[in-house]
Amino acid sequence: MAAFLLFFIETKIGRTIAITGLIVAGVFIGWISFKNHYYNQGYQAAITQVAKNTKEAKDAVDKAVSSSAECFARGGTPDDTTGVCDR
């Protein structure tokens, strides 16, 4: 084991291999970190957009239900196609 480590310490080719290996490992780790960061950022943006669309849809349904309930309370019949309360 010691001879193996001495190869990387004492020889020029050994130092070159070690430095090149460290550079490649650093670039690889940086690339993975960069990719992971932007993947997570995109994922969060998608989740936020879906939540926003879900809230907008829920609000529209709540508004339609409340206007239908008001129409029935006044003795009318709500028209779903026009959104008008017919009496």
PDB file of N, CA and C in Angstrom:
ATOM      1  N   MET A   1       0.825  -1.186   0.000  1.00  0.00           N
ATOM      2  CA  MET A   1       0.000   0.000   0.000  1.00  0.00           C
ATOM      3  C   MET A   1       0.875   1.258   0.000  1.00  0.00           C
ATOM      4  N   ALA A   2       1.941   1.227   0.777  1.00  0.00           N
ATOM      5  CA  ALA A   2       2.829   2.388   0.870  1.00  0.00           C
ATOM      6  C   ALA A   2       3.500   2.667  -0.464  1.00  0.00           C
ATOM      7  N   ALA A   3       3.869   1.617  -1.175  1.00  0.00           N
ATOM      8  CA  ALA A   3       4.508   1.800  -2.480  1.00  0.00           C
ATOM      9  C   ALA A   3       3.537   2.444  -3.466  1.00  0.00           C
ATOM     10  N   PHE A   4       2.292   2.074  -3.352  1.00  0.00           N
ATOM     11  CA  PHE A   4       1.271   2.649  -4.228  1.00  0.00           C
ATOM     12  C   PHE A   4       1.141   4.149  -3.975  1.00  0.00           C
ATOM     13  N   LEU A   5       1.091   4.556  -2.695  1.00  0.00           N
ATOM     14  CA  LEU A   5       0.992   5.975  -2.361  1.00  0.00           C
ATOM     15  C   LEU A   5       2.259   6.732  -2.739  1.00  0.00           C
ATOM     16  N   LEU A   6       3.422   6.088  -2.565  1.00  0.00           N
ATOM     17  CA  LEU A   6       4.671   6.738  -2.941  1.00  0.00           C
ATOM     18  C   LEU A   6       4.731   7.008  -4.449  1.00  0.00           C
ATOM     19  N   PHE A   7       4.104   6.144  -5.241  1.00  0.00           N
ATOM     20  CA  PHE A   7       4.064   6.365  -6.691  1.00  0.00           C
ATOM     21  C   PHE A   7       3.429   7.722  -7.001  1.00  0.00           C
ATOM     22  N   PHE A   8       2.314   8.056  -6.302  1.00  0.00           N
ATOM     23  CA  PHE A   8       1.618   9.313  -6.551  1.00  0.00           C
ATOM     24  C   PHE A   8       2.340  10.515  -5.951  1.00  0.00           C
ATOM     25  N   ILE A   9       3.151  10.286  -4.937  1.00  0.00           N
ATOM     26  CA  ILE A   9       3.851  11.388  -4.285  1.00  0.00           C
ATOM     27  C   ILE A   9       5.188  11.688  -4.954  1.00  0.00           C
ATOM     28  N   GLU A  10       5.943  10.633  -5.294  1.00  0.00           N
ATOM     29  CA  GLU A  10       7.336  10.810  -5.709  1.00  0.00           C
ATOM     30  C   GLU A  10       7.556  10.886  -7.212  1.00  0.00           C
ATOM     31  N   THR A  11       6.610  10.466  -8.016  1.00  0.00           N
ATOM     32  CA  THR A  11       6.837  10.494  -9.464  1.00  0.00           C
ATOM     33  C   THR A  11       6.011  11.590 -10.105  1.00  0.00           C
ATOM     34  N   LYS A  12       6.577  12.133 -11.180  1.00  0.00           N
ATOM     35  CA  LYS A  12       5.882  13.213 -11.880  1.00  0.00           C
ATOM     36  C   LYS A  12       4.592  12.700 -12.503  1.00  0.00           C
ATOM     37  N   ILE A  13       4.624  11.525 -13.108  1.00  0.00           N
ATOM     38  CA  ILE A  13       3.415  10.971 -13.726  1.00  0.00           C
ATOM     39  C   ILE A  13       2.372  10.652 -12.662  1.00  0.00           C
ATOM     40  N   GLY A  14       2.835  10.222 -11.494  1.00  0.00           N
ATOM     41  CA  GLY A  14       1.912   9.935 -10.395  1.00  0.00           C
ATOM     42  C   GLY A  14       1.201  11.186  -9.927  1.00  0.00           C
ATOM     43  N   ARG A  15       1.963  12.272  -9.774  1.00  0.00           N
ATOM     44  CA  ARG A  15       1.343  13.546  -9.368  1.00  0.00           C
ATOM     45  C   ARG A  15       0.381  14.043 -10.446  1.00  0.00           C
ATOM     46  N   THR A  16       0.753  13.883 -11.710  1.00  0.00           N
ATOM     47  CA  THR A  16      -0.115  14.304 -12.815  1.00  0.00           C
ATOM     48  C   THR A  16      -1.425  13.513 -12.800  1.00  0.00           C
ATOM     49  N   ILE A  17      -1.312  12.208 -12.588  1.00  0.00           N
ATOM     50  CA  ILE A  17      -2.522  11.365 -12.528  1.00  0.00           C
ATOM     51  C   ILE A  17      -3.395  11.782 -11.345  1.00  0.00           C
ATOM     52  N   ALA A  18      -2.777  12.020 -10.199  1.00  0.00           N
ATOM     53  CA  ALA A  18      -3.538  12.394  -9.007  1.00  0.00           C
ATOM     54  C   ALA A  18      -4.235  13.739  -9.191  1.00  0.00           C
ATOM     55  N   ILE A  19      -3.522  14.703  -9.724  1.00  0.00           N
ATOM     56  CA  ILE A  19      -4.108  16.031  -9.937  1.00  0.00           C
ATOM     57  C   ILE A  19      -5.229  15.974 -10.968  1.00  0.00           C
ATOM     58  N   THR A  20      -4.980  15.236 -12.050  1.00  0.00           N
ATOM     59  CA  THR A  20      -6.015  15.090 -13.081  1.00  0.00           C
ATOM     60  C   THR A  20      -7.248  14.407 -12.506  1.00  0.00           C
ATOM     61  N   GLY A  21      -7.031  13.391 -11.702  1.00  0.00           N
ATOM     62  CA  GLY A  21      -8.155  12.694 -11.058  1.00  0.00           C
ATOM     63  C   GLY A  21      -8.950  13.611 -10.148  1.00  0.00           C
ATOM     64  N   LEU A  22      -8.243  14.429  -9.384  1.00  0.00           N
ATOM     65  CA  LEU A  22      -8.929  15.369  -8.498  1.00  0.00           C
ATOM     66  C   LEU A  22      -9.724  16.409  -9.286  1.00  0.00           C
ATOM     67  N   ILE A  23      -9.160  16.879 -10.386  1.00  0.00           N
ATOM     68  CA  ILE A  23      -9.876  17.850 -11.228  1.00  0.00           C
ATOM     69  C   ILE A  23     -11.126  17.218 -11.827  1.00  0.00           C
ATOM     70  N   VAL A  24     -10.994  16.008 -12.341  1.00  0.00           N
ATOM     71  CA  VAL A  24     -12.154  15.311 -12.930  1.00  0.00           C
ATOM     72  C   VAL A  24     -13.220  15.074 -11.864  1.00  0.00           C
ATOM     73  N   ALA A  25     -12.801  14.632 -10.679  1.00  0.00           N
ATOM     74  CA  ALA A  25     -13.760  14.398  -9.595  1.00  0.00           C
ATOM     75  C   ALA A  25     -14.449  15.708  -9.193  1.00  0.00           C
ATOM     76  N   GLY A  26     -13.688  16.795  -9.115  1.00  0.00           N
ATOM     77  CA  GLY A  26     -14.266  18.087  -8.761  1.00  0.00           C
ATOM     78  C   GLY A  26     -15.275  18.571  -9.788  1.00  0.00           C
ATOM     79  N   VAL A  27     -14.937  18.416 -11.057  1.00  0.00           N
ATOM     80  CA  VAL A  27     -15.859  18.827 -12.126  1.00  0.00           C
ATOM     81  C   VAL A  27     -17.126  17.982 -12.083  1.00  0.00           C
ATOM     82  N   PHE A  28     -16.959  16.686 -11.876  1.00  0.00           N
ATOM     83  CA  PHE A  28     -18.109  15.784 -11.815  1.00  0.00           C
ATOM     84  C   PHE A  28     -19.018  16.145 -10.636  1.00  0.00           C
ATOM     85  N   ILE A  29     -18.452  16.372  -9.470  1.00  0.00           N
ATOM     86  CA  ILE A  29     -19.246  16.735  -8.291  1.00  0.00           C
ATOM     87  C   ILE A  29     -19.930  18.087  -8.514  1.00  0.00           C
ATOM     88  N   GLY A  30     -19.224  19.030  -9.114  1.00  0.00           N
ATOM     89  CA  GLY A  30     -19.823  20.330  -9.413  1.00  0.00           C
ATOM     90  C   GLY A  30     -20.975  20.214 -10.393  1.00  0.00           C
ATOM     91  N   TRP A  31     -20.806  19.386 -11.408  1.00  0.00           N
ATOM     92  CA  TRP A  31     -21.862  19.192 -12.405  1.00  0.00           C
ATOM     93  C   TRP A  31     -23.098  18.568 -11.772  1.00  0.00           C
ATOM     94  N   ILE A  32     -22.893  17.557 -10.937  1.00  0.00           N
ATOM     95  CA  ILE A  32     -24.020  16.901 -10.262  1.00  0.00           C
ATOM     96  C   ILE A  32     -24.735  17.905  -9.340  1.00  0.00           C
ATOM     97  N   SER A  33     -23.978  18.694  -8.609  1.00  0.00           N
ATOM     98  CA  SER A  33     -24.578  19.685  -7.715  1.00  0.00           C
ATOM     99  C   SER A  33     -25.363  20.733  -8.497  1.00  0.00           C
ATOM    100  N   PHE A  34     -24.798  21.221  -9.581  1.00  0.00           N
ATOM    101  CA  PHE A  34     -25.445  22.219 -10.431  1.00  0.00           C
ATOM    102  C   PHE A  34     -26.740  21.666 -11.013  1.00  0.00           C
ATOM    103  N   LYS A  35     -26.677  20.451 -11.544  1.00  0.00           N
ATOM    104  CA  LYS A  35     -27.854  19.816 -12.138  1.00  0.00           C
ATOM    105  C   LYS A  35     -28.930  19.591 -11.076  1.00  0.00           C
ATOM    106  N   ASN A  36     -28.537  19.111  -9.914  1.00  0.00           N
ATOM    107  CA  ASN A  36     -29.482  18.844  -8.840  1.00  0.00           C
ATOM    108  C   ASN A  36     -30.159  20.131  -8.371  1.00  0.00           C
ATOM    109  N   HIS A  37     -29.402  21.200  -8.253  1.00  0.00           N
ATOM    110  CA  HIS A  37     -29.961  22.486  -7.826  1.00  0.00           C
ATOM    111  C   HIS A  37     -31.044  22.965  -8.789  1.00  0.00           C
ATOM    112  N   TYR A  38     -30.749  22.976 -10.079  1.00  0.00           N
ATOM    113  CA  TYR A  38     -31.714  23.481 -11.048  1.00  0.00           C
ATOM    114  C   TYR A  38     -32.874  22.523 -11.261  1.00  0.00           C
ATOM    115  N   TYR A  39     -32.646  21.225 -11.075  1.00  0.00           N
ATOM    116  CA  TYR A  39     -33.753  20.265 -11.133  1.00  0.00           C
ATOM    117  C   TYR A  39     -34.733  20.566  -9.998  1.00  0.00           C
ATOM    118  N   ASN A  40     -34.210  20.750  -8.780  1.00  0.00           N
ATOM    119  CA  ASN A  40     -35.072  21.045  -7.634  1.00  0.00           C
ATOM    120  C   ASN A  40     -35.777  22.386  -7.791  1.00  0.00           C
ATOM    121  N   GLN A  41     -35.097  23.355  -8.372  1.00  0.00           N
ATOM    122  CA  GLN A  41     -35.705  24.665  -8.595  1.00  0.00           C
ATOM    123  C   GLN A  41     -36.875  24.547  -9.572  1.00  0.00           C
ATOM    124  N   GLY A  42     -36.707  23.791 -10.631  1.00  0.00           N
ATOM    125  CA  GLY A  42     -37.792  23.571 -11.585  1.00  0.00           C
ATOM    126  C   GLY A  42     -38.945  22.801 -10.983  1.00  0.00           C
ATOM    127  N   TYR A  43     -38.623  21.820 -10.151  1.00  0.00           N
ATOM    128  CA  TYR A  43     -39.651  21.024  -9.477  1.00  0.00           C
ATOM    129  C   TYR A  43     -40.503  21.923  -8.578  1.00  0.00           C
ATOM    130  N   GLN A  44     -39.851  22.786  -7.809  1.00  0.00           N
ATOM    131  CA  GLN A  44     -40.587  23.679  -6.922  1.00  0.00           C
ATOM    132  C   GLN A  44     -41.453  24.661  -7.718  1.00  0.00           C
ATOM    133  N   ALA A  45     -40.951  25.135  -8.847  1.00  0.00           N
ATOM    134  CA  ALA A  45     -41.739  26.043  -9.689  1.00  0.00           C
ATOM    135  C   ALA A  45     -42.986  25.334 -10.215  1.00  0.00           C
ATOM    136  N   ALA A  46     -42.835  24.076 -10.602  1.00  0.00           N
ATOM    137  CA  ALA A  46     -43.983  23.316 -11.110  1.00  0.00           C
ATOM    138  C   ALA A  46     -45.008  23.083 -10.014  1.00  0.00           C
ATOM    139  N   ILE A  47     -44.553  22.732  -8.825  1.00  0.00           N
ATOM    140  CA  ILE A  47     -45.466  22.508  -7.708  1.00  0.00           C
ATOM    141  C   ILE A  47     -46.213  23.799  -7.362  1.00  0.00           C
ATOM    142  N   THR A  48     -45.522  24.918  -7.379  1.00  0.00           N
ATOM    143  CA  THR A  48     -46.151  26.209  -7.084  1.00  0.00           C
ATOM    144  C   THR A  48     -47.212  26.545  -8.130  1.00  0.00           C
ATOM    145  N   GLN A  49     -46.913  26.281  -9.403  1.00  0.00           N
ATOM    146  CA  GLN A  49     -47.871  26.561 -10.477  1.00  0.00           C
ATOM    147  C   GLN A  49     -49.112  25.683 -10.347  1.00  0.00           C
ATOM    148  N   VAL A  50     -48.924  24.424 -10.033  1.00  0.00           N
ATOM    149  CA  VAL A  50     -50.066  23.519  -9.864  1.00  0.00           C
ATOM    150  C   VAL A  50     -50.918  23.972  -8.681  1.00  0.00           C
ATOM    151  N   ALA A  51     -50.271  24.350  -7.587  1.00  0.00           N
ATOM    152  CA  ALA A  51     -51.026  24.822  -6.420  1.00  0.00           C
ATOM    153  C   ALA A  51     -51.808  26.088  -6.754  1.00  0.00           C
ATOM    154  N   LYS A  52     -51.202  26.985  -7.514  1.00  0.00           N
ATOM    155  CA  LYS A  52     -51.878  28.223  -7.897  1.00  0.00           C
ATOM    156  C   LYS A  52     -53.098  27.906  -8.768  1.00  0.00           C
ATOM    157  N   ASN A  53     -52.925  27.019  -9.760  1.00  0.00           N
ATOM    158  CA  ASN A  53     -54.042  26.648 -10.635  1.00  0.00           C
ATOM    159  C   ASN A  53     -55.143  25.946  -9.849  1.00  0.00           C
ATOM    160  N   THR A  54     -54.755  25.120  -8.878  1.00  0.00           N
ATOM    161  CA  THR A  54     -55.736  24.422  -8.059  1.00  0.00           C
ATOM    162  C   THR A  54     -56.531  25.417  -7.231  1.00  0.00           C
ATOM    163  N   LYS A  55     -55.852  26.404  -6.658  1.00  0.00           N
ATOM    164  CA  LYS A  55     -56.545  27.427  -5.860  1.00  0.00           C
ATOM    165  C   LYS A  55     -57.497  28.242  -6.731  1.00  0.00           C
ATOM    166  N   GLU A  56     -57.050  28.605  -7.927  1.00  0.00           N
ATOM    167  CA  GLU A  56     -57.923  29.372  -8.828  1.00  0.00           C
ATOM    168  C   GLU A  56     -59.156  28.559  -9.204  1.00  0.00           C
ATOM    169  N   ALA A  57     -58.976  27.277  -9.472  1.00  0.00           N
ATOM    170  CA  ALA A  57     -60.111  26.416  -9.823  1.00  0.00           C
ATOM    171  C   ALA A  57     -61.064  26.273  -8.631  1.00  0.00           C
ATOM    172  N   LYS A  58     -60.509  26.100  -7.433  1.00  0.00           N
ATOM    173  CA  LYS A  58     -61.348  25.982  -6.236  1.00  0.00           C
ATOM    174  C   LYS A  58     -62.119  27.265  -5.995  1.00  0.00           C
ATOM    175  N   ASP A  59     -61.468  28.396  -6.168  1.00  0.00           N
ATOM    176  CA  ASP A  59     -62.155  29.678  -5.984  1.00  0.00           C
ATOM    177  C   ASP A  59     -63.293  29.847  -6.995  1.00  0.00           C
ATOM    178  N   ALA A  60     -63.074  29.430  -8.243  1.00  0.00           N
ATOM    179  CA  ALA A  60     -64.125  29.526  -9.261  1.00  0.00           C
ATOM    180  C   ALA A  60     -65.313  28.629  -8.913  1.00  0.00           C
ATOM    181  N   VAL A  61     -65.018  27.433  -8.420  1.00  0.00           N
ATOM    182  CA  VAL A  61     -66.103  26.521  -8.021  1.00  0.00           C
ATOM    183  C   VAL A  61     -66.864  27.101  -6.834  1.00  0.00           C
ATOM    184  N   ASP A  62     -66.123  27.622  -5.850  1.00  0.00           N
ATOM    185  CA  ASP A  62     -66.784  28.218  -4.682  1.00  0.00           C
ATOM    186  C   ASP A  62     -67.694  29.383  -5.087  1.00  0.00           C
ATOM    187  N   LYS A  63     -67.230  30.193  -6.030  1.00  0.00           N
ATOM    188  CA  LYS A  63     -68.025  31.332  -6.493  1.00  0.00           C
ATOM    189  C   LYS A  63     -69.290  30.842  -7.204  1.00  0.00           C
ATOM    190  N   ALA A  64     -69.140  29.813  -8.044  1.00  0.00           N
ATOM    191  CA  ALA A  64     -70.293  29.289  -8.770  1.00  0.00           C
ATOM    192  C   ALA A  64     -71.301  28.661  -7.816  1.00  0.00           C
ATOM    193  N   VAL A  65     -70.821  27.935  -6.832  1.00  0.00           N
ATOM    194  CA  VAL A  65     -71.720  27.300  -5.873  1.00  0.00           C
ATOM    195  C   VAL A  65     -72.448  28.356  -5.047  1.00  0.00           C
ATOM    196  N   SER A  66     -71.705  29.391  -4.624  1.00  0.00           N
ATOM    197  CA  SER A  66     -72.361  30.428  -3.807  1.00  0.00           C
ATOM    198  C   SER A  66     -73.388  31.199  -4.635  1.00  0.00           C
ATOM    199  N   SER A  67     -73.086  31.477  -5.911  1.00  0.00           N
ATOM    200  CA  SER A  67     -74.068  32.200  -6.721  1.00  0.00           C
ATOM    201  C   SER A  67     -75.275  31.315  -7.012  1.00  0.00           C
ATOM    202  N   SER A  68     -75.071  30.018  -7.157  1.00  0.00           N
ATOM    203  CA  SER A  68     -76.202  29.103  -7.355  1.00  0.00           C
ATOM    204  C   SER A  68     -77.051  29.038  -6.097  1.00  0.00           C
ATOM    205  N   ALA A  69     -76.391  28.993  -4.949  1.00  0.00           N
ATOM    206  CA  ALA A  69     -77.126  28.944  -3.680  1.00  0.00           C
ATOM    207  C   ALA A  69     -77.935  30.223  -3.482  1.00  0.00           C
ATOM    208  N   GLU A  70     -77.357  31.363  -3.827  1.00  0.00           N
ATOM    209  CA  GLU A  70     -78.086  32.632  -3.717  1.00  0.00           C
ATOM    210  C   GLU A  70     -79.291  32.642  -4.646  1.00  0.00           C
ATOM    211  N   CYS A  71     -79.120  32.096  -5.848  1.00  0.00           N
ATOM    212  CA  CYS A  71     -80.224  32.059  -6.815  1.00  0.00           C
ATOM    213  C   CYS A  71     -81.359  31.183  -6.292  1.00  0.00           C
ATOM    214  N   PHE A  72     -81.013  30.003  -5.748  1.00  0.00           N
ATOM    215  CA  PHE A  72     -82.047  29.128  -5.183  1.00  0.00           C
ATOM    216  C   PHE A  72     -82.721  29.800  -3.993  1.00  0.00           C
ATOM    217  N   ALA A  73     -81.955  30.521  -3.171  1.00  0.00           N
ATOM    218  CA  ALA A  73     -82.522  31.197  -2.004  1.00  0.00           C
ATOM    219  C   ALA A  73     -83.525  32.261  -2.425  1.00  0.00           C
ATOM    220  N   ARG A  74     -83.309  32.870  -3.597  1.00  0.00           N
ATOM    221  CA  ARG A  74     -84.254  33.887  -4.093  1.00  0.00           C
ATOM    222  C   ARG A  74     -85.409  33.263  -4.861  1.00  0.00           C
ATOM    223  N   GLY A  75     -85.431  31.943  -4.951  1.00  0.00           N
ATOM    224  CA  GLY A  75     -86.531  31.264  -5.630  1.00  0.00           C
ATOM    225  C   GLY A  75     -86.323  31.101  -7.122  1.00  0.00           C
ATOM    226  N   GLY A  76     -85.112  31.314  -7.603  1.00  0.00           N
ATOM    227  CA  GLY A  76     -84.838  31.194  -9.029  1.00  0.00           C
ATOM    228  C   GLY A  76     -84.163  29.873  -9.382  1.00  0.00           C
ATOM    229  N   THR A  77     -83.840  29.768 -10.673  1.00  0.00           N
ATOM    230  CA  THR A  77     -83.125  28.600 -11.173  1.00  0.00           C
ATOM    231  C   THR A  77     -81.864  29.097 -11.881  1.00  0.00           C
ATOM    232  N   PRO A  78     -80.703  28.662 -11.423  1.00  0.00           N
ATOM    233  CA  PRO A  78     -79.471  29.131 -12.066  1.00  0.00           C
ATOM    234  C   PRO A  78     -79.269  28.469 -13.433  1.00  0.00           C
ATOM    235  N   ASP A  79     -78.870  29.264 -14.415  1.00  0.00           N
ATOM    236  CA  ASP A  79     -78.543  28.745 -15.747  1.00  0.00           C
ATOM    237  C   ASP A  79     -77.021  28.596 -15.817  1.00  0.00           C
ATOM    238  N   ASP A  80     -76.565  27.341 -15.893  1.00  0.00           N
ATOM    239  CA  ASP A  80     -75.123  27.070 -15.855  1.00  0.00           C
ATOM    240  C   ASP A  80     -74.381  27.595 -17.079  1.00  0.00           C
ATOM    241  N   THR A  81     -75.047  27.687 -18.215  1.00  0.00           N
ATOM    242  CA  THR A  81     -74.351  28.117 -19.433  1.00  0.00           C
ATOM    243  C   THR A  81     -74.124  29.624 -19.466  1.00  0.00           C
ATOM    244  N   THR A  82     -75.085  30.395 -18.963  1.00  0.00           N
ATOM    245  CA  THR A  82     -74.950  31.842 -18.998  1.00  0.00           C
ATOM    246  C   THR A  82     -74.538  32.434 -17.649  1.00  0.00           C
ATOM    247  N   GLY A  83     -74.765  31.676 -16.575  1.00  0.00           N
ATOM    248  CA  GLY A  83     -74.456  32.185 -15.244  1.00  0.00           C
ATOM    249  C   GLY A  83     -75.509  33.146 -14.720  1.00  0.00           C
ATOM    250  N   VAL A  84     -76.670  33.161 -15.344  1.00  0.00           N
ATOM    251  CA  VAL A  84     -77.756  34.074 -14.961  1.00  0.00           C
ATOM    252  C   VAL A  84     -78.780  33.301 -14.151  1.00  0.00           C
ATOM    253  N   CYS A  85     -79.393  33.997 -13.191  1.00  0.00           N
ATOM    254  CA  CYS A  85     -80.445  33.397 -12.369  1.00  0.00           C
ATOM    255  C   CYS A  85     -81.796  33.651 -13.020  1.00  0.00           C
ATOM    256  N   ASP A  86     -82.443  32.573 -13.497  1.00  0.00           N
ATOM    257  CA  ASP A  86     -83.774  32.699 -14.128  1.00  0.00           C
ATOM    258  C   ASP A  86     -84.845  32.557 -13.050  1.00  0.00           C
ATOM    259  N   ARG A  87     -85.839  33.401 -13.155  1.00  0.00           N
ATOM    260  CA  ARG A  87     -86.954  33.331 -12.192  1.00  0.00           C
ATOM    261  C   ARG A  87     -88.160  32.739 -12.831  1.00  0.00           C
TER     262      ARG A  87
END
